[in-house]
Every structure is written in C-alpha cells, then in structure tokens.
Protein backbone atom coordinates (compact mmCIF):
# COMPACT_ATOMS: atom_id res chain seq x y z
CA MET A 1 -12.05 56.42 -111.15
CA ILE A 2 -13.90 59.08 -110.31
CA PRO A 3 -15.39 59.06 -106.40
CA ARG A 4 -18.26 58.42 -105.72
CA ARG A 5 -18.48 61.56 -103.13
CA LEU A 6 -17.71 64.50 -106.14
CA VAL A 7 -20.01 62.39 -108.23
CA THR A 8 -22.79 62.94 -105.75
CA VAL A 9 -22.15 66.15 -105.87
CA ALA A 10 -21.54 67.02 -109.18
CA VAL A 11 -24.90 65.68 -109.19
CA LEU A 12 -26.68 67.72 -106.37
CA SER A 13 -25.31 70.78 -107.94
CA LEU A 14 -26.99 70.19 -111.32
CA ILE A 15 -30.39 69.15 -109.50
CA VAL A 16 -30.30 72.29 -107.83
CA GLY A 17 -28.26 74.62 -110.51
CA GLY A 18 -31.59 73.61 -112.68
CA ALA A 19 -34.68 74.17 -110.60
CA SER A 20 -33.37 77.69 -109.43
CA GLY A 21 -34.98 79.40 -111.97
CA CYS A 22 -32.30 79.94 -114.11
CA ALA A 23 -32.77 79.55 -118.03
CA PRO A 24 -31.77 81.82 -120.64
CA PHE A 25 -33.48 84.57 -122.20
CA ALA A 26 -35.75 83.47 -125.31
CA ASP A 27 -34.50 86.25 -127.54
CA GLY A 28 -30.96 85.24 -127.93
CA GLU A 29 -29.16 88.25 -126.96
CA SER A 30 -27.06 88.12 -123.90
CA HIS A 31 -28.40 90.78 -121.24
CA PRO A 32 -26.81 91.91 -118.24
CA PRO A 33 -27.32 90.17 -114.54
CA THR A 34 -31.42 92.18 -113.12
CA SER A 35 -29.19 94.12 -110.64
CA ALA A 36 -26.80 95.73 -112.42
CA ARG A 37 -29.57 97.14 -115.18
CA ALA A 38 -31.59 98.45 -112.18
CA THR A 39 -29.09 99.88 -110.10
CA GLY A 40 -25.95 100.03 -112.85
CA SER A 41 -24.21 103.01 -112.79
CA ASP A 42 -23.81 103.43 -116.17
CA ALA A 43 -27.37 104.48 -116.66
CA PRO A 44 -28.28 107.87 -117.40
CA PRO A 45 -30.17 109.17 -114.15
CA PRO A 46 -33.84 109.14 -116.16
CA GLU A 47 -35.42 112.56 -117.49
CA SER A 48 -38.32 113.61 -115.73
CA PRO A 49 -41.05 115.81 -117.50
CA THR A 50 -41.26 119.66 -117.64
CA GLU A 51 -45.04 119.14 -117.42
CA LEU A 52 -47.18 117.00 -115.54
CA SER A 53 -51.19 116.23 -114.49
CA VAL A 54 -53.36 114.12 -114.05
CA GLU A 55 -57.55 112.82 -115.19
CA PRO A 56 -59.52 111.92 -112.62
CA ALA A 57 -61.92 109.41 -113.33
CA PRO A 58 -64.38 110.71 -116.19
CA GLY A 59 -67.82 111.94 -114.39
CA GLU A 60 -66.10 113.12 -111.08
CA PRO A 61 -66.37 117.37 -111.24
CA ARG A 62 -63.22 118.18 -110.88
CA ILE A 63 -63.00 121.22 -107.66
CA GLY A 64 -59.04 122.01 -107.94
CA THR A 65 -56.30 120.90 -109.77
CA ILE A 66 -51.99 121.91 -109.61
CA SER A 67 -50.45 120.59 -112.29
CA SER A 68 -46.08 120.67 -113.10
CA ALA A 69 -45.25 121.54 -109.14
CA ARG A 70 -42.60 121.53 -107.81
CA GLY A 71 -41.86 122.49 -103.95
CA THR A 72 -45.53 123.54 -102.60
CA GLU A 73 -48.68 124.47 -103.45
CA GLU A 74 -51.97 124.47 -102.05
CA ILE A 75 -55.66 124.05 -103.48
CA GLY A 76 -58.48 125.94 -102.45
CA PRO A 77 -60.08 126.41 -99.64
CA VAL A 78 -62.85 125.40 -102.25
CA PRO A 79 -66.75 124.45 -101.53
CA SER A 80 -67.62 120.61 -101.43
CA ARG A 81 -71.56 119.95 -101.59
CA THR A 82 -71.44 116.41 -101.25
CA GLY A 83 -68.23 116.30 -98.49
CA ARG A 84 -66.64 113.64 -100.43
CA VAL A 85 -63.80 113.80 -102.12
CA ALA A 86 -61.68 111.65 -104.14
CA VAL A 87 -56.95 113.17 -104.36
CA TYR A 88 -55.66 112.05 -107.43
CA ILE A 89 -52.13 111.96 -107.29
CA ARG A 90 -49.23 111.77 -109.37
CA CYS A 91 -44.96 112.32 -109.04
CA VAL A 92 -42.04 111.81 -110.67
CA GLY A 93 -39.22 111.87 -109.51
CA THR A 94 -36.73 109.85 -106.86
CA GLY A 95 -38.35 111.82 -103.73
CA ILE A 96 -41.17 112.47 -101.08
CA LEU A 97 -44.64 113.66 -102.05
CA THR A 98 -47.17 114.79 -99.01
CA VAL A 99 -50.65 115.35 -99.48
CA GLU A 100 -52.77 117.28 -96.86
CA VAL A 101 -56.22 117.09 -97.09
CA VAL A 102 -56.43 119.89 -94.04
CA GLY A 103 -58.29 119.17 -91.08
CA SER A 104 -59.16 115.51 -92.62
CA ALA A 105 -56.15 112.83 -94.28
CA THR A 106 -52.34 113.97 -95.18
CA PHE A 107 -51.36 111.08 -97.29
CA THR A 108 -47.89 110.45 -98.17
CA GLN A 109 -46.64 109.41 -101.34
CA ARG A 110 -43.37 108.31 -102.40
CA CYS A 111 -41.93 110.06 -106.22
CA LEU A 112 -41.70 107.01 -109.04
CA VAL A 113 -39.21 107.61 -111.75
CA ASP A 114 -41.43 106.01 -114.60
CA ALA A 115 -43.66 109.16 -115.56
CA ARG A 116 -46.25 106.55 -117.30
CA ASP A 117 -46.88 105.38 -113.87
CA PRO A 118 -51.07 107.15 -113.41
CA GLY A 119 -50.17 108.12 -109.78
CA THR A 120 -53.17 106.87 -107.05
CA ARG A 121 -56.65 107.82 -106.18
CA ASN A 122 -57.34 108.81 -102.71
CA THR A 123 -61.44 109.10 -101.30
CA LEU A 124 -62.90 110.13 -97.73
CA ASP A 125 -64.96 112.23 -96.15
CA ILE A 126 -63.93 115.39 -95.25
CA SER A 127 -65.05 117.09 -91.81
CA GLY A 128 -66.72 120.79 -92.76
CA SER A 129 -67.79 121.75 -96.14
CA ASP A 130 -64.59 123.66 -97.65
CA VAL A 131 -61.27 121.54 -98.88
CA HIS A 132 -58.14 123.05 -98.45
CA VAL A 133 -55.44 120.78 -99.91
CA THR A 134 -51.57 121.26 -99.38
CA GLY A 135 -49.11 119.53 -101.24
CA VAL A 136 -44.63 119.38 -99.98
CA GLY A 137 -42.24 117.96 -102.32
CA ASP A 138 -38.89 117.98 -102.84
CA ALA A 139 -37.43 120.92 -105.85
CA GLU A 140 -36.18 118.88 -108.53
CA ASP A 141 -39.72 116.51 -107.99
CA ILE A 142 -42.40 117.26 -110.54
CA TRP A 143 -46.01 116.52 -109.00
CA ALA A 144 -49.79 117.29 -109.62
CA ILE A 145 -52.69 116.45 -107.73
CA ALA A 146 -56.48 116.94 -108.94
CA VAL A 147 -59.46 117.34 -106.18
CA THR A 148 -62.53 115.83 -107.39
CA GLU A 149 -66.57 116.03 -106.41
CA ILE A 150 -67.92 112.04 -105.33
CA ALA A 151 -71.51 111.97 -105.71
CA ASP A 152 -73.46 111.12 -102.48
CA GLY A 153 -74.52 107.97 -102.98
C-alpha cells in the first residue's frame, strides 16, 4: 500500500508541474533550454556587418547622415529651417552609442547584435537654427545616424 502522503505529493506535483507552462515542441525536435541557447558559450560570436545605414521615413528631408561609423563621428553644424528634427539611430554590436544633439538633447542607445534591427527615431525641437550632432561609440561596434527635418505643423 502506498502511503497517503506520497500520493498527495505526487498528485500535487503533477498538477503544479502541468500548470507551469512547459510544453513539448510542436516540431518534434529536441531543443536545448532557452537559457542555454541565449547564453551558451558554444555559440559563435555574431558577425558584425561591414556597412550600416539608417533609412528615415519617406517625406522627411535628410539634412545629415553618418553611415558605417565606428568610434566618434559628427554631423554639422547644418542649418534647419523648421527647428524640428528627427534623429534616426542604428547600432550593431555589444556596446553603447551616445548621440548628442549639441545644445538640445543626448540619447544613449544600447547596440544590438541583430543587424536587422531598424533602430530608433527620436524627435526634438532644437535650440538655435543649426543642427550639430556627435556620435560616440565603441570601436568594435558599427553605427549609423540620419538627421531629418520635420515640417512645421
């Protein structure tokens, strides 16, 4: 005879274990646990692209661009007719990119290892009539910036 306490523990384990979100893979293949795939040391390091650009939204006139940069680069100063700009930023790698719109704002963006990531769009009103943008990143990371003018409205 099985002790009642053991049966209760076994039934509770089954109920709790079944409700924990674990499920077999539908494709029938064996897969390593997610944490092993994400952080496993057996995985080769991601390849960084040799060229990188960023595409602004259609209809926004481009007033400055930096493509395929590493380390420190800058745009401008360039004139802005409206005083409203969008700063598009992409960075591929493992470091951090700091982008400063001199006199107006600073953006800090973590680089991503996925080169397919489209990046970010930041809009702001600039102080003054000229736009001066600097980017500072790690030499191992590749990054791109586009600055566009946003119409008054």
